[in-house]
Every structure is written in structure tokens, then in C-alpha cells.
PDB file of N, CA and C in Angstrom:
ATOM      1  N   UNK A   1       9.357  -6.114   5.243  1.00  0.00           N
ATOM      2  CA  UNK A   1       8.627  -5.984   6.472  1.00  0.00           C
ATOM      3  C   UNK A   1       8.065  -7.329   6.935  1.00  0.00           C
ATOM      4  N   UNK A   2       7.580  -8.105   6.002  1.00  0.00           N
ATOM      5  CA  UNK A   2       7.020  -9.392   6.396  1.00  0.00           C
ATOM      6  C   UNK A   2       8.099 -10.352   6.863  1.00  0.00           C
ATOM      7  N   UNK A   3       9.262 -10.272   6.238  1.00  0.00           N
ATOM      8  CA  UNK A   3      10.370 -11.132   6.677  1.00  0.00           C
ATOM      9  C   UNK A   3      10.800 -10.735   8.081  1.00  0.00           C
ATOM     10  N   UNK A   4      10.858  -9.443   8.339  1.00  0.00           N
ATOM     11  CA  UNK A   4      11.224  -8.975   9.680  1.00  0.00           C
ATOM     12  C   UNK A   4      10.211  -9.442  10.715  1.00  0.00           C
ATOM     13  N   UNK A   5       8.945  -9.452  10.344  1.00  0.00           N
ATOM     14  CA  UNK A   5       7.912  -9.937  11.261  1.00  0.00           C
ATOM     15  C   UNK A   5       8.084 -11.422  11.524  1.00  0.00           C
ATOM     16  N   UNK A   6       8.393 -12.184  10.476  1.00  0.00           N
ATOM     17  CA  UNK A   6       8.604 -13.626  10.644  1.00  0.00           C
ATOM     18  C   UNK A   6       9.812 -13.906  11.531  1.00  0.00           C
ATOM     19  N   UNK A   7      10.839 -13.089  11.406  1.00  0.00           N
ATOM     20  CA  UNK A   7      12.033 -13.271  12.244  1.00  0.00           C
ATOM     21  C   UNK A   7      11.741 -12.868  13.689  1.00  0.00           C
ATOM     22  N   UNK A   8      10.977 -11.806  13.867  1.00  0.00           N
ATOM     23  CA  UNK A   8      10.672 -11.317  15.213  1.00  0.00           C
ATOM     24  C   UNK A   8       9.716 -12.245  15.957  1.00  0.00           C
ATOM     25  N   UNK A   9       8.876 -12.962  15.214  1.00  0.00           N
ATOM     26  CA  UNK A   9       7.902 -13.863  15.828  1.00  0.00           C
ATOM     27  C   UNK A   9       8.058 -15.268  15.256  1.00  0.00           C
ATOM     28  N   UNK A  10       9.166 -15.937  15.574  1.00  0.00           N
ATOM     29  CA  UNK A  10       9.371 -17.283  15.020  1.00  0.00           C
ATOM     30  C   UNK A  10       8.308 -18.257  15.544  1.00  0.00           C
ATOM     31  N   UNK A  11       7.841 -19.112  14.638  1.00  0.00           N
ATOM     32  CA  UNK A  11       6.847 -20.096  15.037  1.00  0.00           C
ATOM     33  C   UNK A  11       5.430 -19.558  15.111  1.00  0.00           C
ATOM     34  N   UNK A  12       5.238 -18.302  14.694  1.00  0.00           N
ATOM     35  CA  UNK A  12       3.905 -17.707  14.721  1.00  0.00           C
ATOM     36  C   UNK A  12       3.571 -17.117  13.335  1.00  0.00           C
ATOM     37  N   UNK A  13       3.274 -17.976  12.381  1.00  0.00           N
ATOM     38  CA  UNK A  13       3.016 -17.489  11.021  1.00  0.00           C
ATOM     39  C   UNK A  13       1.767 -16.612  10.927  1.00  0.00           C
ATOM     40  N   UNK A  14       0.855 -16.728  11.873  1.00  0.00           N
ATOM     41  CA  UNK A  14      -0.348 -15.892  11.841  1.00  0.00           C
ATOM     42  C   UNK A  14      -0.007 -14.417  12.048  1.00  0.00           C
ATOM     43  N   UNK A  15       1.101 -14.113  12.688  1.00  0.00           N
ATOM     44  CA  UNK A  15       1.526 -12.713  12.842  1.00  0.00           C
ATOM     45  C   UNK A  15       1.873 -12.123  11.477  1.00  0.00           C
ATOM     46  N   UNK A  16       2.511 -12.914  10.624  1.00  0.00           N
ATOM     47  CA  UNK A  16       2.853 -12.460   9.279  1.00  0.00           C
ATOM     48  C   UNK A  16       1.577 -12.236   8.472  1.00  0.00           C
ATOM     49  N   UNK A  17       0.658 -13.169   8.566  1.00  0.00           N
ATOM     50  CA  UNK A  17      -0.617 -13.046   7.857  1.00  0.00           C
ATOM     51  C   UNK A  17      -1.383 -11.824   8.351  1.00  0.00           C
ATOM     52  N   UNK A  18      -1.399 -11.611   9.653  1.00  0.00           N
ATOM     53  CA  UNK A  18      -2.104 -10.465  10.224  1.00  0.00           C
ATOM     54  C   UNK A  18      -1.493  -9.151   9.758  1.00  0.00           C
ATOM     55  N   UNK A  19      -0.180  -9.094   9.704  1.00  0.00           N
ATOM     56  CA  UNK A  19       0.469  -7.851   9.265  1.00  0.00           C
ATOM     57  C   UNK A  19       0.208  -7.603   7.778  1.00  0.00           C
ATOM     58  N   UNK A  20       0.250  -8.642   6.972  1.00  0.00           N
ATOM     59  CA  UNK A  20      -0.048  -8.503   5.547  1.00  0.00           C
ATOM     60  C   UNK A  20      -1.487  -8.028   5.347  1.00  0.00           C
ATOM     61  N   UNK A  21      -2.412  -8.645   6.057  1.00  0.00           N
ATOM     62  CA  UNK A  21      -3.826  -8.274   5.954  1.00  0.00           C
ATOM     63  C   UNK A  21      -4.041  -6.826   6.377  1.00  0.00           C
ATOM     64  N   UNK A  22      -3.415  -6.422   7.452  1.00  0.00           N
ATOM     65  CA  UNK A  22      -3.547  -5.037   7.916  1.00  0.00           C
ATOM     66  C   UNK A  22      -2.990  -4.059   6.886  1.00  0.00           C
ATOM     67  N   UNK A  23      -1.900  -4.413   6.240  1.00  0.00           N
ATOM     68  CA  UNK A  23      -1.311  -3.540   5.213  1.00  0.00           C
ATOM     69  C   UNK A  23      -2.234  -3.399   4.017  1.00  0.00           C
ATOM     70  N   UNK A  24      -2.818  -4.498   3.583  1.00  0.00           N
ATOM     71  CA  UNK A  24      -3.725  -4.459   2.432  1.00  0.00           C
ATOM     72  C   UNK A  24      -4.974  -3.642   2.773  1.00  0.00           C
ATOM     73  N   UNK A  25      -5.548  -3.872   3.935  1.00  0.00           N
ATOM     74  CA  UNK A  25      -6.748  -3.131   4.334  1.00  0.00           C
ATOM     75  C   UNK A  25      -6.473  -1.641   4.470  1.00  0.00           C
ATOM     76  N   UNK A  26      -5.313  -1.282   4.978  1.00  0.00           N
ATOM     77  CA  UNK A  26      -4.955   0.126   5.084  1.00  0.00           C
ATOM     78  C   UNK A  26      -4.814   0.754   3.708  1.00  0.00           C
ATOM     79  N   UNK A  27      -4.185   0.038   2.791  1.00  0.00           N
ATOM     80  CA  UNK A  27      -4.035   0.558   1.426  1.00  0.00           C
ATOM     81  C   UNK A  27      -5.380   0.752   0.744  1.00  0.00           C
ATOM     82  N   UNK A  28      -6.271  -0.204   0.913  1.00  0.00           N
ATOM     83  CA  UNK A  28      -7.605  -0.093   0.317  1.00  0.00           C
ATOM     84  C   UNK A  28      -8.366   1.076   0.930  1.00  0.00           C
ATOM     85  N   UNK A  29      -8.289   1.226   2.243  1.00  0.00           N
ATOM     86  CA  UNK A  29      -8.993   2.321   2.912  1.00  0.00           C
ATOM     87  C   UNK A  29      -8.462   3.677   2.453  1.00  0.00           C
ATOM     88  N   UNK A  30      -7.168   3.810   2.334  1.00  0.00           N
ATOM     89  CA  UNK A  30      -6.602   5.087   1.893  1.00  0.00           C
ATOM     90  C   UNK A  30      -6.960   5.369   0.441  1.00  0.00           C
ATOM     91  N   UNK A  31      -6.978   4.349  -0.402  1.00  0.00           N
ATOM     92  CA  UNK A  31      -7.394   4.527  -1.786  1.00  0.00           C
ATOM     93  C   UNK A  31      -8.846   4.952  -1.877  1.00  0.00           C
ATOM     94  N   UNK A  32      -9.687   4.346  -1.060  1.00  0.00           N
ATOM     95  CA  UNK A  32     -11.098   4.718  -1.029  1.00  0.00           C
ATOM     96  C   UNK A  32     -11.265   6.162  -0.581  1.00  0.00           C
ATOM     97  N   UNK A  33     -10.534   6.552   0.460  1.00  0.00           N
ATOM     98  CA  UNK A  33     -10.597   7.948   0.918  1.00  0.00           C
ATOM     99  C   UNK A  33     -10.133   8.900  -0.174  1.00  0.00           C
ATOM    100  N   UNK A  34      -9.068   8.523  -0.860  1.00  0.00           N
ATOM    101  CA  UNK A  34      -8.525   9.366  -1.937  1.00  0.00           C
ATOM    102  C   UNK A  34      -9.589   9.612  -3.006  1.00  0.00           C
ATOM    103  N   UNK A  35     -10.298   8.544  -3.384  1.00  0.00           N
ATOM    104  CA  UNK A  35     -11.295   8.662  -4.439  1.00  0.00           C
ATOM    105  C   UNK A  35     -12.584   9.331  -3.964  1.00  0.00           C
ATOM    106  N   UNK A  36     -13.084   8.938  -2.813  1.00  0.00           N
ATOM    107  CA  UNK A  36     -14.375   9.407  -2.336  1.00  0.00           C
ATOM    108  C   UNK A  36     -14.331  10.791  -1.707  1.00  0.00           C
ATOM    109  N   UNK A  37     -13.319  11.057  -0.958  1.00  0.00           N
ATOM    110  CA  UNK A  37     -13.252  12.319  -0.231  1.00  0.00           C
ATOM    111  C   UNK A  37     -12.519  13.397  -1.023  1.00  0.00           C
ATOM    112  N   UNK A  38     -11.950  12.987  -2.145  1.00  0.00           N
ATOM    113  CA  UNK A  38     -11.195  13.910  -3.004  1.00  0.00           C
ATOM    114  C   UNK A  38     -10.100  14.649  -2.213  1.00  0.00           C
ATOM    115  N   UNK A  39      -9.379  13.859  -1.433  1.00  0.00           N
ATOM    116  CA  UNK A  39      -8.295  14.420  -0.621  1.00  0.00           C
ATOM    117  C   UNK A  39      -7.125  14.839  -1.492  1.00  0.00           C
ATOM    118  N   UNK A  40      -6.781  13.997  -2.441  1.00  0.00           N
ATOM    119  CA  UNK A  40      -5.605  14.249  -3.267  1.00  0.00           C
ATOM    120  C   UNK A  40      -5.928  15.006  -4.531  1.00  0.00           C
ATOM    121  N   UNK A  41      -4.893  15.376  -5.208  1.00  0.00           N
ATOM    122  CA  UNK A  41      -5.011  16.066  -6.483  1.00  0.00           C
ATOM    123  C   UNK A  41      -4.567  15.114  -7.588  1.00  0.00           C
ATOM    124  N   UNK A  42      -5.291  15.104  -8.704  1.00  0.00           N
ATOM    125  CA  UNK A  42      -4.922  14.171  -9.788  1.00  0.00           C
ATOM    126  C   UNK A  42      -3.495  14.360 -10.288  1.00  0.00           C
ATOM    127  N   UNK A  43      -2.975  15.575 -10.283  1.00  0.00           N
ATOM    128  CA  UNK A  43      -1.621  15.789 -10.794  1.00  0.00           C
ATOM    129  C   UNK A  43      -0.554  15.152  -9.900  1.00  0.00           C
ATOM    130  N   UNK A  44      -0.905  14.810  -8.684  1.00  0.00           N
ATOM    131  CA  UNK A  44       0.054  14.150  -7.793  1.00  0.00           C
ATOM    132  C   UNK A  44       0.355  12.729  -8.243  1.00  0.00           C
ATOM    133  N   UNK A  45      -0.575  12.089  -8.952  1.00  0.00           N
ATOM    134  CA  UNK A  45      -0.367  10.699  -9.344  1.00  0.00           C
ATOM    135  C   UNK A  45      -0.227  10.530 -10.856  1.00  0.00           C
ATOM    136  N   UNK A  46      -0.170  11.615 -11.586  1.00  0.00           N
ATOM    137  CA  UNK A  46       0.001  11.541 -13.039  1.00  0.00           C
ATOM    138  C   UNK A  46       1.428  11.114 -13.358  1.00  0.00           C
ATOM    139  N   UNK A  47       1.546  10.164 -14.276  1.00  0.00           N
ATOM    140  CA  UNK A  47       2.875   9.711 -14.683  1.00  0.00           C
ATOM    141  C   UNK A  47       3.532  10.735 -15.587  1.00  0.00           C
ATOM    142  N   UNK A  48       4.829  10.959 -15.421  1.00  0.00           N
ATOM    143  CA  UNK A  48       5.522  11.915 -16.302  1.00  0.00           C
ATOM    144  C   UNK A  48       5.619  11.367 -17.722  1.00  0.00           C
ATOM    145  N   UNK A  49       5.622  12.274 -18.683  1.00  0.00           N
ATOM    146  CA  UNK A  49       5.763  11.870 -20.082  1.00  0.00           C
ATOM    147  C   UNK A  49       7.231  11.583 -20.370  1.00  0.00           C
ATOM    148  N   UNK A  50       7.462  10.549 -21.125  1.00  0.00           N
ATOM    149  CA  UNK A  50       8.825  10.192 -21.483  1.00  0.00           C
ATOM    150  C   UNK A  50       9.200  10.899 -22.779  1.00  0.00           C
ATOM    151  N   UNK A  51      10.436  11.317 -22.852  1.00  0.00           N
ATOM    152  CA  UNK A  51      10.925  11.958 -24.072  1.00  0.00           C
ATOM    153  C   UNK A  51      10.964  10.924 -25.195  1.00  0.00           C
ATOM    154  N   UNK A  52      10.525  11.321 -26.372  1.00  0.00           N
ATOM    155  CA  UNK A  52      10.556  10.451 -27.533  1.00  0.00           C
ATOM    156  C   UNK A  52       9.287   9.651 -27.752  1.00  0.00           C
ATOM    157  N   UNK A  53       8.391   9.631 -26.772  1.00  0.00           N
ATOM    158  CA  UNK A  53       7.121   8.937 -26.949  1.00  0.00           C
ATOM    159  C   UNK A  53       6.031   9.942 -27.273  1.00  0.00           C
ATOM    160  N   UNK A  54       5.115   9.540 -28.111  1.00  0.00           N
ATOM    161  CA  UNK A  54       4.026  10.466 -28.474  1.00  0.00           C
ATOM    162  C   UNK A  54       2.721   9.988 -27.945  1.00  0.00           C
TER     163      UNK A  54
END
């Protein structure tokens, strides 16, 4: 996505930085909502057990 932004806006590196920053802030906000508002269920993010490991 960032490469596509750099190609779409040549000579404007701040567009890439802005898109990266917006992505990080969105991820943090959604993680905060997940934890604070209890939107999700813990079993949705539980890693599956591998066969042969104890």
C-alpha cells in the first residue's frame, strides 16, 4: 500500500508518511476499542494448538 501511494504521488513523500501514520493510528484505536469496549471475543484471537506440542 505504501509503495502504491509513493507511485501515485511521486515527489510527495509526506503522503506516504501520512498514510503510514493514519494506518498505525487506526490500528491502535481499534485495539483500544477491542480491549476497552470488549467488542471482540477472546476465542477469536486465540492461536490454534499445534499437533505434537504440549
